[in-house]
Amino acid sequence: MPDAAARVHRRFRRPRISKEHGLAYTHFRSLAEHPRVRELIQSEVDTVNSRMPQVQQVRKFHLLVKELDHDDGEVTATMKIKRKSIAGKYAEAIEAMYGARASV
């Protein structure tokens, strides 16, 4: 049975997160790749997981290193995610999350 998947799309409040956590960055990618950002997100995932049944818990996540963009066909003009576009464009990252798990 495949694991449940969740899509989390939250626009970074870059100035706020940088100031609150003392993170220096030059652009979105440098912030997304910062180890402390991954730790902060993992902490939030752990908090949510603690309230969820084991079968619904997030086991893996992947941070995109670029903001989703309307001009790239990833979101609509109102910032709704275009799932088909994302599934195609990031298929390798999605497969990597599921392909690396052990058989039960």
N, C-alpha and C. Protein backbone atom coordinates (compact mmCIF):
# COMPACT_ATOMS: atom_id res chain seq x y z
N MET A 1 0.84 -1.18 0.00
CA MET A 1 0.00 0.00 0.00
C MET A 1 0.89 1.24 0.00
N PRO A 2 0.71 2.15 -0.95
CA PRO A 2 1.57 3.34 -1.01
C PRO A 2 1.32 4.27 0.17
N ASP A 3 2.36 4.97 0.55
CA ASP A 3 2.24 5.96 1.63
C ASP A 3 1.37 7.11 1.17
N ALA A 4 0.74 7.75 2.13
CA ALA A 4 -0.02 8.96 1.82
C ALA A 4 0.96 10.06 1.43
N ALA A 5 0.54 10.90 0.53
CA ALA A 5 1.39 12.01 0.10
C ALA A 5 0.70 13.31 0.43
N ALA A 6 1.47 14.28 0.78
CA ALA A 6 0.93 15.61 1.06
C ALA A 6 1.75 16.62 0.30
N ARG A 7 1.07 17.57 -0.25
CA ARG A 7 1.73 18.67 -0.95
C ARG A 7 1.62 19.88 -0.03
N VAL A 8 2.75 20.43 0.30
CA VAL A 8 2.75 21.61 1.15
C VAL A 8 3.37 22.74 0.34
N HIS A 9 2.61 23.75 0.13
CA HIS A 9 3.10 24.90 -0.62
C HIS A 9 2.84 26.12 0.25
N ARG A 10 3.91 26.63 0.77
CA ARG A 10 3.77 27.81 1.60
C ARG A 10 4.82 28.80 1.15
N ARG A 11 4.38 29.95 0.85
CA ARG A 11 5.34 30.97 0.43
C ARG A 11 6.18 31.36 1.63
N PHE A 12 7.49 31.24 1.46
CA PHE A 12 8.39 31.66 2.53
C PHE A 12 8.18 33.14 2.81
N ARG A 13 8.12 33.47 4.05
CA ARG A 13 8.16 34.87 4.45
C ARG A 13 9.64 35.13 4.70
N ARG A 14 10.36 35.29 3.60
CA ARG A 14 11.82 35.33 3.67
C ARG A 14 12.37 36.32 4.69
N PRO A 15 11.95 37.57 4.68
CA PRO A 15 12.51 38.49 5.68
C PRO A 15 12.23 38.03 7.12
N ARG A 16 11.02 37.52 7.36
CA ARG A 16 10.65 37.09 8.70
C ARG A 16 11.45 35.87 9.14
N ILE A 17 11.50 34.85 8.30
CA ILE A 17 12.22 33.62 8.67
C ILE A 17 13.70 33.91 8.82
N SER A 18 14.23 34.77 7.99
CA SER A 18 15.64 35.12 8.07
C SER A 18 15.93 35.85 9.39
N LYS A 19 15.10 36.80 9.73
CA LYS A 19 15.30 37.58 10.96
C LYS A 19 15.07 36.72 12.20
N GLU A 20 13.97 35.97 12.24
CA GLU A 20 13.64 35.16 13.42
C GLU A 20 14.66 34.08 13.71
N HIS A 21 15.29 33.54 12.67
CA HIS A 21 16.19 32.42 12.87
C HIS A 21 17.64 32.74 12.50
N GLY A 22 17.92 34.01 12.23
CA GLY A 22 19.29 34.42 11.94
C GLY A 22 19.88 33.77 10.71
N LEU A 23 19.07 33.63 9.67
CA LEU A 23 19.53 32.97 8.44
C LEU A 23 19.89 34.01 7.38
N ALA A 24 21.11 33.94 6.92
CA ALA A 24 21.53 34.82 5.84
C ALA A 24 21.27 34.11 4.51
N TYR A 25 20.76 34.83 3.53
CA TYR A 25 20.50 34.26 2.22
C TYR A 25 20.59 35.35 1.17
N THR A 26 20.82 34.93 -0.06
CA THR A 26 20.88 35.90 -1.16
C THR A 26 19.69 35.76 -2.09
N HIS A 27 19.10 34.57 -2.17
CA HIS A 27 17.95 34.35 -3.03
C HIS A 27 17.19 33.12 -2.51
N PHE A 28 16.06 32.83 -3.10
CA PHE A 28 15.21 31.73 -2.63
C PHE A 28 15.97 30.42 -2.52
N ARG A 29 16.75 30.10 -3.55
CA ARG A 29 17.47 28.82 -3.55
C ARG A 29 18.41 28.70 -2.36
N SER A 30 19.16 29.77 -2.07
CA SER A 30 20.10 29.70 -0.95
C SER A 30 19.37 29.52 0.38
N LEU A 31 18.16 30.07 0.49
CA LEU A 31 17.37 29.88 1.70
C LEU A 31 16.80 28.45 1.75
N ALA A 32 16.27 27.98 0.63
CA ALA A 32 15.68 26.63 0.58
C ALA A 32 16.72 25.55 0.83
N GLU A 33 17.97 25.80 0.46
CA GLU A 33 19.03 24.81 0.65
C GLU A 33 19.73 24.93 1.99
N HIS A 34 19.37 25.93 2.77
CA HIS A 34 20.01 26.15 4.08
C HIS A 34 19.63 25.00 5.02
N PRO A 35 20.61 24.34 5.63
CA PRO A 35 20.30 23.21 6.52
C PRO A 35 19.33 23.58 7.65
N ARG A 36 19.39 24.79 8.15
CA ARG A 36 18.51 25.20 9.24
C ARG A 36 17.06 25.24 8.78
N VAL A 37 16.81 25.60 7.53
CA VAL A 37 15.44 25.62 7.00
C VAL A 37 14.88 24.20 7.00
N ARG A 38 15.68 23.25 6.57
CA ARG A 38 15.23 21.85 6.58
C ARG A 38 14.92 21.41 8.01
N GLU A 39 15.76 21.81 8.97
CA GLU A 39 15.52 21.47 10.37
C GLU A 39 14.21 22.08 10.87
N LEU A 40 13.96 23.33 10.51
CA LEU A 40 12.73 24.01 10.93
C LEU A 40 11.50 23.31 10.36
N ILE A 41 11.57 22.93 9.11
CA ILE A 41 10.44 22.25 8.48
C ILE A 41 10.26 20.86 9.09
N GLN A 42 11.36 20.15 9.32
CA GLN A 42 11.27 18.83 9.95
C GLN A 42 10.63 18.94 11.33
N SER A 43 10.95 19.99 12.06
CA SER A 43 10.35 20.20 13.37
C SER A 43 8.83 20.38 13.27
N GLU A 44 8.39 21.14 12.27
CA GLU A 44 6.95 21.33 12.06
C GLU A 44 6.28 20.02 11.64
N VAL A 45 6.94 19.26 10.77
CA VAL A 45 6.41 17.96 10.35
C VAL A 45 6.29 17.03 11.57
N ASP A 46 7.30 17.03 12.41
CA ASP A 46 7.27 16.19 13.61
C ASP A 46 6.11 16.58 14.53
N THR A 47 5.86 17.87 14.65
CA THR A 47 4.75 18.35 15.48
C THR A 47 3.42 17.85 14.94
N VAL A 48 3.23 17.98 13.63
CA VAL A 48 1.99 17.52 13.01
C VAL A 48 1.89 16.00 13.11
N ASN A 49 2.99 15.31 12.84
CA ASN A 49 2.98 13.84 12.91
C ASN A 49 2.59 13.32 14.29
N SER A 50 2.95 14.06 15.33
CA SER A 50 2.64 13.60 16.68
C SER A 50 1.14 13.56 16.95
N ARG A 51 0.37 14.26 16.12
CA ARG A 51 -1.09 14.27 16.29
C ARG A 51 -1.81 13.38 15.28
N MET A 52 -1.05 12.72 14.43
CA MET A 52 -1.65 11.93 13.36
C MET A 52 -1.43 10.43 13.61
N PRO A 53 -2.37 9.61 13.13
CA PRO A 53 -2.13 8.16 13.19
C PRO A 53 -0.89 7.83 12.34
N GLN A 54 -0.21 6.77 12.70
CA GLN A 54 1.04 6.41 12.02
C GLN A 54 0.87 6.29 10.50
N VAL A 55 -0.24 5.74 10.06
CA VAL A 55 -0.44 5.54 8.62
C VAL A 55 -0.62 6.86 7.86
N GLN A 56 -0.89 7.94 8.56
CA GLN A 56 -1.08 9.24 7.92
C GLN A 56 0.10 10.19 8.13
N GLN A 57 1.15 9.72 8.73
CA GLN A 57 2.29 10.59 9.02
C GLN A 57 3.16 10.81 7.80
N VAL A 58 3.75 11.99 7.73
CA VAL A 58 4.69 12.34 6.67
C VAL A 58 6.01 11.67 7.01
N ARG A 59 6.53 10.88 6.07
CA ARG A 59 7.78 10.17 6.30
C ARG A 59 8.96 10.86 5.60
N LYS A 60 8.70 11.45 4.47
CA LYS A 60 9.74 12.12 3.70
C LYS A 60 9.16 13.40 3.11
N PHE A 61 10.04 14.35 2.88
CA PHE A 61 9.62 15.55 2.16
C PHE A 61 10.79 16.05 1.32
N HIS A 62 10.47 16.84 0.35
CA HIS A 62 11.48 17.37 -0.57
C HIS A 62 11.24 18.87 -0.70
N LEU A 63 12.28 19.65 -0.55
CA LEU A 63 12.16 21.10 -0.70
C LEU A 63 12.56 21.49 -2.12
N LEU A 64 11.67 22.18 -2.79
CA LEU A 64 12.01 22.69 -4.12
C LEU A 64 12.94 23.88 -3.94
N VAL A 65 13.89 24.02 -4.84
CA VAL A 65 14.87 25.09 -4.71
C VAL A 65 14.49 26.33 -5.51
N LYS A 66 13.29 26.32 -6.06
CA LYS A 66 12.79 27.52 -6.74
C LYS A 66 11.34 27.73 -6.37
N GLU A 67 10.94 28.95 -6.38
CA GLU A 67 9.55 29.26 -6.11
C GLU A 67 8.71 28.84 -7.31
N LEU A 68 7.53 28.33 -7.05
CA LEU A 68 6.64 27.98 -8.16
C LEU A 68 6.21 29.27 -8.84
N ASP A 69 6.16 29.23 -10.16
CA ASP A 69 5.97 30.46 -10.92
C ASP A 69 4.89 30.30 -11.99
N HIS A 70 4.08 31.32 -12.14
CA HIS A 70 3.05 31.35 -13.16
C HIS A 70 3.66 31.29 -14.55
N ASP A 71 4.75 32.02 -14.76
CA ASP A 71 5.39 32.05 -16.07
C ASP A 71 5.97 30.70 -16.49
N ASP A 72 6.25 29.85 -15.52
CA ASP A 72 6.77 28.51 -15.81
C ASP A 72 5.66 27.47 -15.89
N GLY A 73 4.39 27.92 -15.78
CA GLY A 73 3.26 27.01 -15.89
C GLY A 73 3.03 26.14 -14.67
N GLU A 74 3.59 26.54 -13.54
CA GLU A 74 3.49 25.74 -12.32
C GLU A 74 2.29 26.12 -11.45
N VAL A 75 1.86 27.36 -11.56
CA VAL A 75 0.71 27.85 -10.80
C VAL A 75 -0.15 28.72 -11.71
N THR A 76 -1.40 28.87 -11.29
CA THR A 76 -2.30 29.74 -12.03
C THR A 76 -2.03 31.20 -11.64
N ALA A 77 -2.71 32.11 -12.27
CA ALA A 77 -2.56 33.53 -11.95
C ALA A 77 -2.94 33.82 -10.50
N THR A 78 -3.80 32.99 -9.92
CA THR A 78 -4.21 33.17 -8.53
C THR A 78 -3.41 32.27 -7.58
N MET A 79 -2.27 31.75 -8.05
CA MET A 79 -1.33 30.96 -7.26
C MET A 79 -1.85 29.58 -6.85
N LYS A 80 -2.79 29.04 -7.61
CA LYS A 80 -3.22 27.66 -7.38
C LYS A 80 -2.26 26.75 -8.13
N ILE A 81 -1.85 25.69 -7.48
CA ILE A 81 -0.86 24.79 -8.07
C ILE A 81 -1.48 23.99 -9.21
N LYS A 82 -0.75 23.91 -10.32
CA LYS A 82 -1.16 23.09 -11.46
C LYS A 82 -0.55 21.71 -11.26
N ARG A 83 -1.35 20.81 -10.72
CA ARG A 83 -0.84 19.50 -10.32
C ARG A 83 -0.19 18.72 -11.46
N LYS A 84 -0.82 18.71 -12.62
CA LYS A 84 -0.28 17.94 -13.75
C LYS A 84 1.10 18.47 -14.15
N SER A 85 1.22 19.77 -14.19
CA SER A 85 2.50 20.39 -14.53
C SER A 85 3.58 20.03 -13.50
N ILE A 86 3.22 20.13 -12.23
CA ILE A 86 4.16 19.83 -11.16
C ILE A 86 4.55 18.34 -11.19
N ALA A 87 3.57 17.48 -11.38
CA ALA A 87 3.84 16.03 -11.42
C ALA A 87 4.82 15.70 -12.54
N GLY A 88 4.68 16.36 -13.67
CA GLY A 88 5.60 16.12 -14.78
C GLY A 88 6.97 16.73 -14.57
N LYS A 89 6.98 17.96 -14.15
CA LYS A 89 8.24 18.70 -13.99
C LYS A 89 9.10 18.14 -12.87
N TYR A 90 8.47 17.68 -11.81
CA TYR A 90 9.22 17.20 -10.65
C TYR A 90 9.07 15.70 -10.44
N ALA A 91 8.80 14.97 -11.52
CA ALA A 91 8.59 13.52 -11.45
C ALA A 91 9.78 12.80 -10.84
N GLU A 92 10.98 13.22 -11.16
CA GLU A 92 12.18 12.55 -10.64
C GLU A 92 12.26 12.69 -9.11
N ALA A 93 11.99 13.88 -8.60
CA ALA A 93 12.03 14.10 -7.14
C ALA A 93 10.92 13.31 -6.45
N ILE A 94 9.75 13.26 -7.08
CA ILE A 94 8.62 12.52 -6.51
C ILE A 94 8.94 11.03 -6.48
N GLU A 95 9.46 10.51 -7.57
CA GLU A 95 9.82 9.08 -7.63
C GLU A 95 10.90 8.74 -6.62
N ALA A 96 11.85 9.65 -6.43
CA ALA A 96 12.93 9.40 -5.48
C ALA A 96 12.40 9.24 -4.06
N MET A 97 11.37 9.97 -3.72
CA MET A 97 10.80 9.85 -2.38
C MET A 97 10.14 8.49 -2.18
N TYR A 98 9.49 7.98 -3.21
CA TYR A 98 8.79 6.71 -3.09
C TYR A 98 9.68 5.52 -3.42
N GLY A 99 10.62 5.69 -4.32
CA GLY A 99 11.45 4.59 -4.76
C GLY A 99 12.47 4.14 -3.74
N ALA A 100 12.84 4.99 -2.80
CA ALA A 100 13.89 4.67 -1.84
C ALA A 100 13.35 3.98 -0.59
N ARG A 101 12.06 3.77 -0.50
CA ARG A 101 11.52 3.17 0.73
C ARG A 101 11.68 1.66 0.72
N ALA A 102 11.77 1.11 1.88
CA ALA A 102 11.93 -0.35 2.01
C ALA A 102 10.59 -1.03 1.84
N SER A 103 10.63 -2.25 1.38
CA SER A 103 9.40 -3.03 1.24
C SER A 103 8.90 -3.43 2.62
N VAL A 104 7.59 -3.47 2.76
CA VAL A 104 6.99 -3.84 4.05
C VAL A 104 6.62 -5.30 4.02
